[in-house]
Amino acid sequence: MADGQRIQILRNGKDKYGRTLARVLVNGNDVSQILINEGLARPWRRHREPWC
C-alpha cells in the first residue's frame, strides 16, 4: 500500500479463539474482494476447503 491511501479497519466481533474479525478497506475498496478477484484468496463458506 502506498502513502496517501485511506485504510479503514471495520471490526465486527471475535472468533471462538478471541481473535478480532474485521474487514479492511483501502480507498473504499474491500481488500478481501480484491484478493479473491486476483485468485489469491477464496471466500469463506462456513467450512474449511482444500487449498490446492
PDB file of N, CA and C in Angstrom:
ATOM      1  N   MET A   1       0.836  -1.169   0.000  1.00  0.00           N
ATOM      2  CA  MET A   1       0.000   0.000   0.000  1.00  0.00           C
ATOM      3  C   MET A   1       0.884   1.236   0.000  1.00  0.00           C
ATOM      4  N   ALA A   2       0.488   2.182  -0.772  1.00  0.00           N
ATOM      5  CA  ALA A   2       1.285   3.396  -0.928  1.00  0.00           C
ATOM      6  C   ALA A   2       0.866   4.474   0.073  1.00  0.00           C
ATOM      7  N   ASP A   3       1.762   5.417   0.286  1.00  0.00           N
ATOM      8  CA  ASP A   3       1.440   6.563   1.142  1.00  0.00           C
ATOM      9  C   ASP A   3       0.242   7.306   0.564  1.00  0.00           C
ATOM     10  N   GLY A   4      -0.553   7.886   1.429  1.00  0.00           N
ATOM     11  CA  GLY A   4      -1.681   8.677   0.994  1.00  0.00           C
ATOM     12  C   GLY A   4      -2.958   7.893   0.769  1.00  0.00           C
ATOM     13  N   GLN A   5      -2.898   6.574   0.890  1.00  0.00           N
ATOM     14  CA  GLN A   5      -4.115   5.787   0.734  1.00  0.00           C
ATOM     15  C   GLN A   5      -4.864   5.761   2.061  1.00  0.00           C
ATOM     16  N   ARG A   6      -6.178   5.773   1.963  1.00  0.00           N
ATOM     17  CA  ARG A   6      -7.010   5.724   3.160  1.00  0.00           C
ATOM     18  C   ARG A   6      -7.277   4.267   3.512  1.00  0.00           C
ATOM     19  N   ILE A   7      -6.885   3.868   4.696  1.00  0.00           N
ATOM     20  CA  ILE A   7      -7.069   2.495   5.162  1.00  0.00           C
ATOM     21  C   ILE A   7      -8.062   2.507   6.311  1.00  0.00           C
ATOM     22  N   GLN A   8      -9.093   1.671   6.194  1.00  0.00           N
ATOM     23  CA  GLN A   8     -10.101   1.540   7.248  1.00  0.00           C
ATOM     24  C   GLN A   8     -10.128   0.097   7.724  1.00  0.00           C
ATOM     25  N   ILE A   9     -10.240  -0.077   9.021  1.00  0.00           N
ATOM     26  CA  ILE A   9     -10.414  -1.398   9.614  1.00  0.00           C
ATOM     27  C   ILE A   9     -11.768  -1.387  10.311  1.00  0.00           C
ATOM     28  N   LEU A  10     -12.676  -2.231   9.841  1.00  0.00           N
ATOM     29  CA  LEU A  10     -14.031  -2.292  10.386  1.00  0.00           C
ATOM     30  C   LEU A  10     -14.154  -3.563  11.214  1.00  0.00           C
ATOM     31  N   ARG A  11     -14.012  -3.437  12.514  1.00  0.00           N
ATOM     32  CA  ARG A  11     -14.087  -4.597  13.397  1.00  0.00           C
ATOM     33  C   ARG A  11     -15.534  -5.057  13.518  1.00  0.00           C
ATOM     34  N   ASN A  12     -15.715  -6.385  13.499  1.00  0.00           N
ATOM     35  CA  ASN A  12     -17.086  -6.894  13.633  1.00  0.00           C
ATOM     36  C   ASN A  12     -17.145  -8.151  14.493  1.00  0.00           C
ATOM     37  N   GLY A  13     -16.433  -8.135  15.602  1.00  0.00           N
ATOM     38  CA  GLY A  13     -16.527  -9.225  16.556  1.00  0.00           C
ATOM     39  C   GLY A  13     -15.229  -9.989  16.716  1.00  0.00           C
ATOM     40  N   LYS A  14     -15.362 -11.150  17.363  1.00  0.00           N
ATOM     41  CA  LYS A  14     -14.213 -12.019  17.603  1.00  0.00           C
ATOM     42  C   LYS A  14     -14.595 -13.445  17.258  1.00  0.00           C
ATOM     43  N   ASP A  15     -13.588 -14.247  16.911  1.00  0.00           N
ATOM     44  CA  ASP A  15     -13.855 -15.660  16.641  1.00  0.00           C
ATOM     45  C   ASP A  15     -13.815 -16.445  17.946  1.00  0.00           C
ATOM     46  N   LYS A  16     -13.967 -17.749  17.865  1.00  0.00           N
ATOM     47  CA  LYS A  16     -14.042 -18.564  19.082  1.00  0.00           C
ATOM     48  C   LYS A  16     -12.729 -18.599  19.856  1.00  0.00           C
ATOM     49  N   TYR A  17     -11.641 -18.150  19.241  1.00  0.00           N
ATOM     50  CA  TYR A  17     -10.346 -18.105  19.918  1.00  0.00           C
ATOM     51  C   TYR A  17     -10.013 -16.710  20.437  1.00  0.00           C
ATOM     52  N   GLY A  18     -10.940 -15.766  20.280  1.00  0.00           N
ATOM     53  CA  GLY A  18     -10.746 -14.414  20.770  1.00  0.00           C
ATOM     54  C   GLY A  18     -10.031 -13.488  19.804  1.00  0.00           C
ATOM     55  N   ARG A  19      -9.792 -13.951  18.572  1.00  0.00           N
ATOM     56  CA  ARG A  19      -9.140 -13.102  17.582  1.00  0.00           C
ATOM     57  C   ARG A  19     -10.150 -12.126  16.979  1.00  0.00           C
ATOM     58  N   THR A  20      -9.720 -10.909  16.725  1.00  0.00           N
ATOM     59  CA  THR A  20     -10.589  -9.897  16.134  1.00  0.00           C
ATOM     60  C   THR A  20     -10.926 -10.249  14.694  1.00  0.00           C
ATOM     61  N   LEU A  21     -12.204 -10.149  14.344  1.00  0.00           N
ATOM     62  CA  LEU A  21     -12.662 -10.314  12.967  1.00  0.00           C
ATOM     63  C   LEU A  21     -12.911  -8.912  12.422  1.00  0.00           C
ATOM     64  N   ALA A  22     -12.448  -8.661  11.214  1.00  0.00           N
ATOM     65  CA  ALA A  22     -12.588  -7.314  10.664  1.00  0.00           C
ATOM     66  C   ALA A  22     -12.544  -7.353   9.147  1.00  0.00           C
ATOM     67  N   ARG A  23     -13.049  -6.298   8.543  1.00  0.00           N
ATOM     68  CA  ARG A  23     -12.918  -6.066   7.103  1.00  0.00           C
ATOM     69  C   ARG A  23     -11.914  -4.934   6.947  1.00  0.00           C
ATOM     70  N   VAL A  24     -11.102  -5.024   5.912  1.00  0.00           N
ATOM     71  CA  VAL A  24     -10.101  -3.992   5.643  1.00  0.00           C
ATOM     72  C   VAL A  24     -10.447  -3.349   4.310  1.00  0.00           C
ATOM     73  N   LEU A  25     -10.518  -2.028   4.318  1.00  0.00           N
ATOM     74  CA  LEU A  25     -10.813  -1.259   3.109  1.00  0.00           C
ATOM     75  C   LEU A  25      -9.633  -0.340   2.817  1.00  0.00           C
ATOM     76  N   VAL A  26      -9.259  -0.267   1.543  1.00  0.00           N
ATOM     77  CA  VAL A  26      -8.239   0.674   1.105  1.00  0.00           C
ATOM     78  C   VAL A  26      -8.893   1.558   0.054  1.00  0.00           C
ATOM     79  N   ASN A  27      -8.959   2.839   0.359  1.00  0.00           N
ATOM     80  CA  ASN A  27      -9.642   3.807  -0.508  1.00  0.00           C
ATOM     81  C   ASN A  27     -11.060   3.349  -0.832  1.00  0.00           C
ATOM     82  N   GLY A  28     -11.735   2.740   0.138  1.00  0.00           N
ATOM     83  CA  GLY A  28     -13.118   2.299  -0.024  1.00  0.00           C
ATOM     84  C   GLY A  28     -13.269   0.946  -0.687  1.00  0.00           C
ATOM     85  N   ASN A  29     -12.167   0.312  -1.101  1.00  0.00           N
ATOM     86  CA  ASN A  29     -12.221  -0.993  -1.759  1.00  0.00           C
ATOM     87  C   ASN A  29     -11.918  -2.103  -0.752  1.00  0.00           C
ATOM     88  N   ASP A  30     -12.754  -3.128  -0.753  1.00  0.00           N
ATOM     89  CA  ASP A  30     -12.605  -4.257   0.161  1.00  0.00           C
ATOM     90  C   ASP A  30     -11.403  -5.108  -0.256  1.00  0.00           C
ATOM     91  N   VAL A  31     -10.394  -5.179   0.605  1.00  0.00           N
ATOM     92  CA  VAL A  31      -9.171  -5.908   0.294  1.00  0.00           C
ATOM     93  C   VAL A  31      -9.456  -7.389   0.056  1.00  0.00           C
ATOM     94  N   SER A  32     -10.366  -7.975   0.815  1.00  0.00           N
ATOM     95  CA  SER A  32     -10.663  -9.405   0.624  1.00  0.00           C
ATOM     96  C   SER A  32     -11.222  -9.662  -0.777  1.00  0.00           C
ATOM     97  N   GLN A  33     -12.067  -8.786  -1.272  1.00  0.00           N
ATOM     98  CA  GLN A  33     -12.634  -8.973  -2.607  1.00  0.00           C
ATOM     99  C   GLN A  33     -11.565  -8.819  -3.686  1.00  0.00           C
ATOM    100  N   ILE A  34     -10.645  -7.913  -3.477  1.00  0.00           N
ATOM    101  CA  ILE A  34      -9.538  -7.749  -4.426  1.00  0.00           C
ATOM    102  C   ILE A  34      -8.713  -9.034  -4.479  1.00  0.00           C
ATOM    103  N   LEU A  35      -8.385  -9.606  -3.317  1.00  0.00           N
ATOM    104  CA  LEU A  35      -7.605 -10.839  -3.270  1.00  0.00           C
ATOM    105  C   LEU A  35      -8.359 -11.997  -3.920  1.00  0.00           C
ATOM    106  N   ILE A  36      -9.663 -12.086  -3.690  1.00  0.00           N
ATOM    107  CA  ILE A  36     -10.479 -13.136  -4.312  1.00  0.00           C
ATOM    108  C   ILE A  36     -10.479 -12.962  -5.829  1.00  0.00           C
ATOM    109  N   ASN A  37     -10.699 -11.746  -6.300  1.00  0.00           N
ATOM    110  CA  ASN A  37     -10.740 -11.481  -7.735  1.00  0.00           C
ATOM    111  C   ASN A  37      -9.419 -11.819  -8.426  1.00  0.00           C
ATOM    112  N   GLU A  38      -8.309 -11.653  -7.715  1.00  0.00           N
ATOM    113  CA  GLU A  38      -6.995 -11.933  -8.294  1.00  0.00           C
ATOM    114  C   GLU A  38      -6.566 -13.392  -8.105  1.00  0.00           C
ATOM    115  N   GLY A  39      -7.444 -14.211  -7.497  1.00  0.00           N
ATOM    116  CA  GLY A  39      -7.129 -15.621  -7.304  1.00  0.00           C
ATOM    117  C   GLY A  39      -6.155 -15.896  -6.171  1.00  0.00           C
ATOM    118  N   LEU A  40      -5.992 -14.924  -5.284  1.00  0.00           N
ATOM    119  CA  LEU A  40      -5.062 -15.066  -4.177  1.00  0.00           C
ATOM    120  C   LEU A  40      -5.746 -15.492  -2.883  1.00  0.00           C
ATOM    121  N   ALA A  41      -7.059 -15.566  -2.896  1.00  0.00           N
ATOM    122  CA  ALA A  41      -7.835 -15.974  -1.720  1.00  0.00           C
ATOM    123  C   ALA A  41      -9.158 -16.546  -2.196  1.00  0.00           C
ATOM    124  N   ARG A  42      -9.855 -17.217  -1.289  1.00  0.00           N
ATOM    125  CA  ARG A  42     -11.190 -17.745  -1.585  1.00  0.00           C
ATOM    126  C   ARG A  42     -12.158 -17.257  -0.515  1.00  0.00           C
ATOM    127  N   PRO A  43     -13.422 -17.110  -0.866  1.00  0.00           N
ATOM    128  CA  PRO A  43     -14.402 -16.687   0.143  1.00  0.00           C
ATOM    129  C   PRO A  43     -14.623 -17.784   1.175  1.00  0.00           C
ATOM    130  N   TRP A  44     -14.901 -17.389   2.399  1.00  0.00           N
ATOM    131  CA  TRP A  44     -15.205 -18.336   3.476  1.00  0.00           C
ATOM    132  C   TRP A  44     -16.635 -18.821   3.300  1.00  0.00           C
ATOM    133  N   ARG A  45     -16.828 -20.131   3.263  1.00  0.00           N
ATOM    134  CA  ARG A  45     -18.151 -20.727   3.062  1.00  0.00           C
ATOM    135  C   ARG A  45     -18.598 -21.529   4.281  1.00  0.00           C
ATOM    136  N   ARG A  46     -18.174 -21.087   5.448  1.00  0.00           N
ATOM    137  CA  ARG A  46     -18.565 -21.678   6.730  1.00  0.00           C
ATOM    138  C   ARG A  46     -17.939 -23.053   7.007  1.00  0.00           C
ATOM    139  N   HIS A  47     -16.979 -23.474   6.163  1.00  0.00           N
ATOM    140  CA  HIS A  47     -16.221 -24.699   6.450  1.00  0.00           C
ATOM    141  C   HIS A  47     -14.906 -24.646   5.696  1.00  0.00           C
ATOM    142  N   ARG A  48     -13.954 -25.400   6.191  1.00  0.00           N
ATOM    143  CA  ARG A  48     -12.628 -25.444   5.568  1.00  0.00           C
ATOM    144  C   ARG A  48     -12.686 -26.220   4.268  1.00  0.00           C
ATOM    145  N   GLU A  49     -12.006 -25.703   3.250  1.00  0.00           N
ATOM    146  CA  GLU A  49     -11.936 -26.374   1.954  1.00  0.00           C
ATOM    147  C   GLU A  49     -10.466 -26.626   1.617  1.00  0.00           C
ATOM    148  N   PRO A  50     -10.179 -27.668   0.838  1.00  0.00           N
ATOM    149  CA  PRO A  50      -8.784 -27.892   0.436  1.00  0.00           C
ATOM    150  C   PRO A  50      -8.268 -26.702  -0.375  1.00  0.00           C
ATOM    151  N   TRP A  51      -7.027 -26.336  -0.173  1.00  0.00           N
ATOM    152  CA  TRP A  51      -6.479 -25.172  -0.852  1.00  0.00           C
ATOM    153  C   TRP A  51      -5.992 -25.505  -2.262  1.00  0.00           C
ATOM    154  N   CYS A  52      -5.257 -26.576  -2.402  1.00  0.00           N
ATOM    155  CA  CYS A  52      -4.657 -26.906  -3.707  1.00  0.00           C
ATOM    156  C   CYS A  52      -5.562 -27.782  -4.545  1.00  0.00           C
TER     157      CYS A  52
END
